[in-house]
Structures are given as C-alpha cells and as structure tokens.
Amino acid sequence: MDMTQREFQAALASSSPTPGGGTASAVALGQAASLACMVADLTLGSDKWSDGWPAAEYVQSLAIPIMTRSGVLAKEDSDAFDEVMAAFKMPKDSESDKNHRRIAIRSGTLQAAKVPFETAEVALELLKALTELAALGNANAVSDVGVAGLLASAAAKGALFNVEINLQSLPEDMGVALREMMPDIQQQTKMHSRSVMEAVRHRLSD
C-alpha cells in the first residue's frame, strides 16, 4: 500500500509470482470501496438526494473499513503465496523431511485459498449495498457507482479464481468449507453485479 501506482504495476508485470491476481483483486476491492465512499459523501452532502441518505450511510459504514481491510488482504495474499513458495524449497532428503515439506505446502496453500476467499466475501458484501445507492444516491455520480460495482465484481470473481486454483492442488478433505461455500458466492456475485448495472443504466436513462 506504500507503493506508487507505477511501482505496483511494475511489480505485477514482473516475472515474480507475487504480487499476482489475488493481490490485484484485493486492490480492486479497495478502489471499489473508495469510489462507493465518494458517492456516499456526495449524496449525504446534498438535501436534494435525501431519499438516498440511508443507503449512503450504510455504504459508507461498509466502505470505510473495506478501504483499510483491502490493503491488508492485498499484502496477506502475497505473503501467503510467498509462504507456499518457501515451503516448496524445504529439504526433502529423508521421509521425515518430505512429510514436513508436504504438510507445510498444504498448510500454506490452504491459507493462500482462505485469503482471496475473504476478499470475495467482502467484495460481495459491498456489491449488495450498491444497487440502492445507484437507485437513490446522487444521480450526478451514478456512473461512479457503476465503476465501483464493476471493480467489486472483478475483485470477487478474480479472488475466487485464486481460491479455486489453490483448492485444486489440495486433497478433497482440505478446505471443505471453502469448496461448499464458493458456488453460492459465485452465484450471488453474478446476481448482485447484474443488479447494480441495471440500476445504473436505469438511472442514466432517466
């Protein structure tokens, strides 16, 4: 989070495995929350949009902590994968070494699935609140709600890709709860993303 935009893009573009898609998803979530917070502020600051104040207050209550949490998730995502890479470099000379290495790899990989899963959960929570903000918030900033929705959707869907690829390399008895919950989050993300876009398009056509 202390990088400049240029530094972060250069790090993403490098051949290093981290930062990668999971970190980029968390950063997108932070941008979505920031835009949502801006629209909430613009709504609360005008009597003209008083019908949207409750929605704006709720979005603001979500977005402000998400702005901070997304940065933590971005770092945790990179850190988790770095731990997996470190585990792969552990010695494997003896059976005991191989067993310790296998346990470390699997433990690290599970953590590397849990972090983006939280990113997806948080992104979905924000998405759920954006439809009403688009419908009732400051109409002059409804396009910004649309961008927030697109970024939150991308954050959720991108994070779930990272959950899925990590779970694929684990035995089926690991990450059971994540495997069971993922389809519902995918479905809800699609549904609420579509709802936000429809509300934005409807408002733009008024």
Protein backbone atom coordinates (compact mmCIF):
# COMPACT_ATOMS: atom_id res chain seq x y z
CA MET A 1 0.00 0.00 0.00
CA ASP A 2 3.02 2.28 0.32
CA MET A 3 3.98 1.73 -3.33
CA THR A 4 3.29 4.29 -6.01
CA GLN A 5 0.87 3.19 -8.72
CA ARG A 6 3.81 2.84 -11.12
CA GLU A 7 5.75 0.67 -8.65
CA PHE A 8 2.79 -1.60 -8.08
CA GLN A 9 2.16 -2.02 -11.80
CA ALA A 10 5.85 -2.82 -12.33
CA ALA A 11 5.70 -5.43 -9.56
CA LEU A 12 2.59 -7.00 -11.14
CA ALA A 13 4.28 -7.01 -14.54
CA SER A 14 7.46 -8.68 -13.28
CA SER A 15 8.14 -12.42 -13.52
CA SER A 16 7.91 -12.75 -9.74
CA PRO A 17 4.88 -14.85 -8.67
CA THR A 18 3.88 -12.16 -6.19
CA PRO A 19 2.09 -9.84 -6.29
CA GLY A 20 -0.37 -11.63 -8.54
CA GLY A 21 -4.05 -11.87 -9.32
CA GLY A 22 -5.18 -12.29 -5.74
CA THR A 23 -3.38 -9.14 -4.67
CA ALA A 24 -4.70 -7.26 -7.71
CA SER A 25 -8.23 -8.38 -6.79
CA ALA A 26 -7.84 -7.01 -3.27
CA VAL A 27 -6.54 -3.71 -4.65
CA ALA A 28 -9.55 -3.54 -6.99
CA LEU A 29 -11.77 -4.05 -3.95
CA GLY A 30 -10.14 -1.07 -2.26
CA GLN A 31 -10.75 1.08 -5.32
CA ALA A 32 -14.39 -0.03 -5.42
CA ALA A 33 -14.82 0.90 -1.77
CA SER A 34 -13.16 4.28 -2.31
CA LEU A 35 -15.49 5.15 -5.19
CA ALA A 36 -18.52 3.97 -3.23
CA CYS A 37 -17.45 6.14 -0.31
CA MET A 38 -17.11 9.15 -2.60
CA VAL A 39 -20.64 8.73 -3.95
CA ALA A 40 -21.96 8.25 -0.42
CA ASP A 41 -20.27 11.51 0.62
CA LEU A 42 -21.74 13.35 -2.38
CA THR A 43 -25.18 12.02 -1.52
CA LEU A 44 -25.06 12.85 2.18
CA GLY A 45 -23.84 16.34 1.41
CA SER A 46 -26.96 17.35 -0.51
CA ASP A 47 -30.58 17.76 0.59
CA LYS A 48 -31.59 17.05 -3.00
CA TRP A 49 -30.68 13.39 -2.53
CA SER A 50 -32.10 12.95 0.97
CA ASP A 51 -34.00 9.83 -0.16
CA GLY A 52 -30.61 8.22 -0.66
CA TRP A 53 -29.15 9.15 2.71
CA PRO A 54 -29.92 5.83 4.44
CA ALA A 55 -28.33 3.90 1.57
CA ALA A 56 -25.36 6.26 1.53
CA GLU A 57 -24.85 5.94 5.28
CA TYR A 58 -24.91 2.17 5.02
CA VAL A 59 -22.49 2.10 2.09
CA GLN A 60 -20.19 4.46 3.96
CA SER A 61 -20.26 2.22 7.05
CA LEU A 62 -19.10 -0.67 4.83
CA ALA A 63 -16.73 1.16 2.51
CA ILE A 64 -14.55 2.97 5.04
CA PRO A 65 -13.31 -0.17 6.83
CA ILE A 66 -13.07 -2.03 3.49
CA MET A 67 -10.66 0.61 2.23
CA THR A 68 -8.29 -0.41 5.03
CA ARG A 69 -9.05 -4.14 5.00
CA SER A 70 -8.45 -4.43 1.27
CA GLY A 71 -4.88 -3.25 1.71
CA VAL A 72 -4.31 -5.84 4.43
CA LEU A 73 -5.79 -8.55 2.20
CA ALA A 74 -3.56 -7.49 -0.68
CA LYS A 75 -0.46 -7.95 1.49
CA GLU A 76 -1.74 -11.15 3.08
CA ASP A 77 -2.39 -12.63 -0.36
CA SER A 78 1.19 -12.05 -1.48
CA ASP A 79 2.57 -13.20 1.87
CA ALA A 80 0.54 -16.41 1.76
CA PHE A 81 1.83 -17.39 -1.66
CA ASP A 82 5.38 -16.49 -0.66
CA GLU A 83 4.99 -18.99 2.20
CA VAL A 84 3.90 -21.67 -0.28
CA MET A 85 6.94 -20.99 -2.45
CA ALA A 86 9.18 -21.15 0.61
CA ALA A 87 7.63 -24.50 1.58
CA PHE A 88 8.47 -25.94 -1.84
CA LYS A 89 12.14 -25.10 -1.17
CA MET A 90 12.22 -27.08 2.08
CA PRO A 91 14.59 -30.09 2.17
CA LYS A 92 13.28 -33.45 1.01
CA ASP A 93 16.23 -35.71 1.69
CA SER A 94 14.51 -38.06 4.14
CA GLU A 95 10.97 -39.33 4.53
CA SER A 96 10.61 -37.09 7.57
CA ASP A 97 11.77 -34.10 5.50
CA LYS A 98 9.31 -34.98 2.76
CA ASN A 99 6.46 -35.26 5.24
CA HIS A 100 7.25 -31.90 6.88
CA ARG A 101 7.55 -30.31 3.44
CA ARG A 102 4.20 -31.79 2.30
CA ILE A 103 2.45 -30.53 5.43
CA ALA A 104 3.96 -27.06 5.03
CA ILE A 105 2.98 -26.87 1.35
CA ARG A 106 -0.60 -27.92 2.05
CA SER A 107 -0.95 -25.63 5.05
CA GLY A 108 0.40 -22.69 3.06
CA THR A 109 -1.79 -23.48 0.08
CA LEU A 110 -4.89 -23.61 2.24
CA GLN A 111 -4.03 -20.19 3.66
CA ALA A 112 -3.45 -18.96 0.11
CA ALA A 113 -7.05 -20.01 -0.62
CA LYS A 114 -8.53 -18.53 2.55
CA VAL A 115 -7.22 -15.01 1.94
CA PRO A 116 -8.80 -14.47 -1.50
CA PHE A 117 -11.96 -16.17 -0.22
CA GLU A 118 -12.26 -13.35 2.31
CA THR A 119 -11.62 -10.83 -0.46
CA ALA A 120 -14.54 -12.34 -2.40
CA GLU A 121 -16.80 -12.30 0.67
CA VAL A 122 -16.04 -8.64 1.40
CA ALA A 123 -16.47 -7.66 -2.25
CA LEU A 124 -19.86 -9.35 -2.33
CA GLU A 125 -20.92 -7.51 0.82
CA LEU A 126 -20.09 -4.21 -0.86
CA LEU A 127 -21.83 -5.22 -4.09
CA LYS A 128 -25.03 -5.99 -2.23
CA ALA A 129 -25.18 -2.40 -0.96
CA LEU A 130 -24.51 -0.65 -4.26
CA THR A 131 -27.83 -1.22 -6.03
CA GLU A 132 -29.74 1.03 -3.66
CA LEU A 133 -27.02 3.66 -3.79
CA ALA A 134 -27.24 3.62 -7.59
CA ALA A 135 -31.02 3.94 -7.45
CA LEU A 136 -31.29 6.66 -4.80
CA GLY A 137 -27.90 8.31 -4.41
CA ASN A 138 -26.55 11.41 -6.12
CA ALA A 139 -27.54 10.97 -9.76
CA ASN A 140 -24.58 13.04 -10.93
CA ALA A 141 -22.26 10.33 -9.61
CA VAL A 142 -24.23 7.24 -10.64
CA SER A 143 -21.57 6.32 -13.21
CA ASP A 144 -19.09 6.14 -10.32
CA VAL A 145 -21.37 3.63 -8.58
CA GLY A 146 -21.24 1.66 -11.81
CA VAL A 147 -17.46 1.64 -11.81
CA ALA A 148 -17.46 0.68 -8.12
CA GLY A 149 -19.77 -2.21 -8.99
CA LEU A 150 -17.57 -3.37 -11.85
CA LEU A 151 -14.46 -3.24 -9.66
CA ALA A 152 -16.15 -5.03 -6.77
CA SER A 153 -17.41 -7.70 -9.16
CA ALA A 154 -13.95 -8.12 -10.67
CA ALA A 155 -12.46 -8.31 -7.17
CA ALA A 156 -14.85 -11.06 -6.14
CA LYS A 157 -14.58 -13.08 -9.35
CA GLY A 158 -10.81 -12.67 -9.57
CA ALA A 159 -10.36 -13.66 -5.95
CA LEU A 160 -12.49 -16.77 -6.47
CA PHE A 161 -10.24 -17.83 -9.36
CA ASN A 162 -7.38 -17.81 -6.86
CA VAL A 163 -9.39 -19.78 -4.32
CA GLU A 164 -10.21 -22.38 -6.94
CA ILE A 165 -6.69 -22.85 -8.26
CA ASN A 166 -5.31 -23.31 -4.76
CA LEU A 167 -8.03 -25.76 -3.72
CA GLN A 168 -7.35 -27.84 -6.84
CA SER A 169 -3.88 -28.66 -5.57
CA LEU A 170 -5.15 -29.84 -2.17
CA PRO A 171 -6.73 -33.13 -1.13
CA GLU A 172 -10.52 -33.02 -1.15
CA ASP A 173 -10.68 -33.26 2.64
CA MET A 174 -8.88 -29.91 2.96
CA GLY A 175 -10.73 -26.63 2.50
CA VAL A 176 -14.09 -28.41 2.63
CA ALA A 177 -15.97 -25.35 3.89
CA LEU A 178 -14.48 -23.16 1.16
CA ARG A 179 -15.43 -25.70 -1.51
CA GLU A 180 -19.00 -25.81 -0.23
CA MET A 181 -19.46 -22.03 0.04
CA MET A 182 -17.77 -20.99 -3.19
CA PRO A 183 -20.64 -21.78 -5.63
CA ASP A 184 -23.08 -19.67 -3.62
CA ILE A 185 -20.69 -16.71 -3.54
CA GLN A 186 -20.14 -17.05 -7.29
CA GLN A 187 -23.87 -17.05 -7.92
CA GLN A 188 -24.59 -14.15 -5.59
CA THR A 189 -21.77 -12.13 -7.13
CA LYS A 190 -23.25 -12.56 -10.60
CA MET A 191 -26.74 -11.67 -9.36
CA HIS A 192 -25.78 -8.54 -7.42
CA SER A 193 -23.34 -7.36 -10.07
CA ARG A 194 -26.15 -7.53 -12.63
CA SER A 195 -28.48 -5.71 -10.24
CA VAL A 196 -26.03 -2.83 -9.80
CA MET A 197 -25.51 -2.50 -13.55
CA GLU A 198 -29.26 -2.48 -14.21
CA ALA A 199 -29.82 0.20 -11.57
CA VAL A 200 -27.04 2.34 -13.02
CA ARG A 201 -28.35 2.01 -16.59
CA HIS A 202 -31.89 2.79 -15.47
CA ARG A 203 -30.72 5.91 -13.64
CA LEU A 204 -28.65 7.07 -16.59
CA SER A 205 -31.68 6.77 -18.86
CA ASP A 206 -33.96 8.86 -16.60
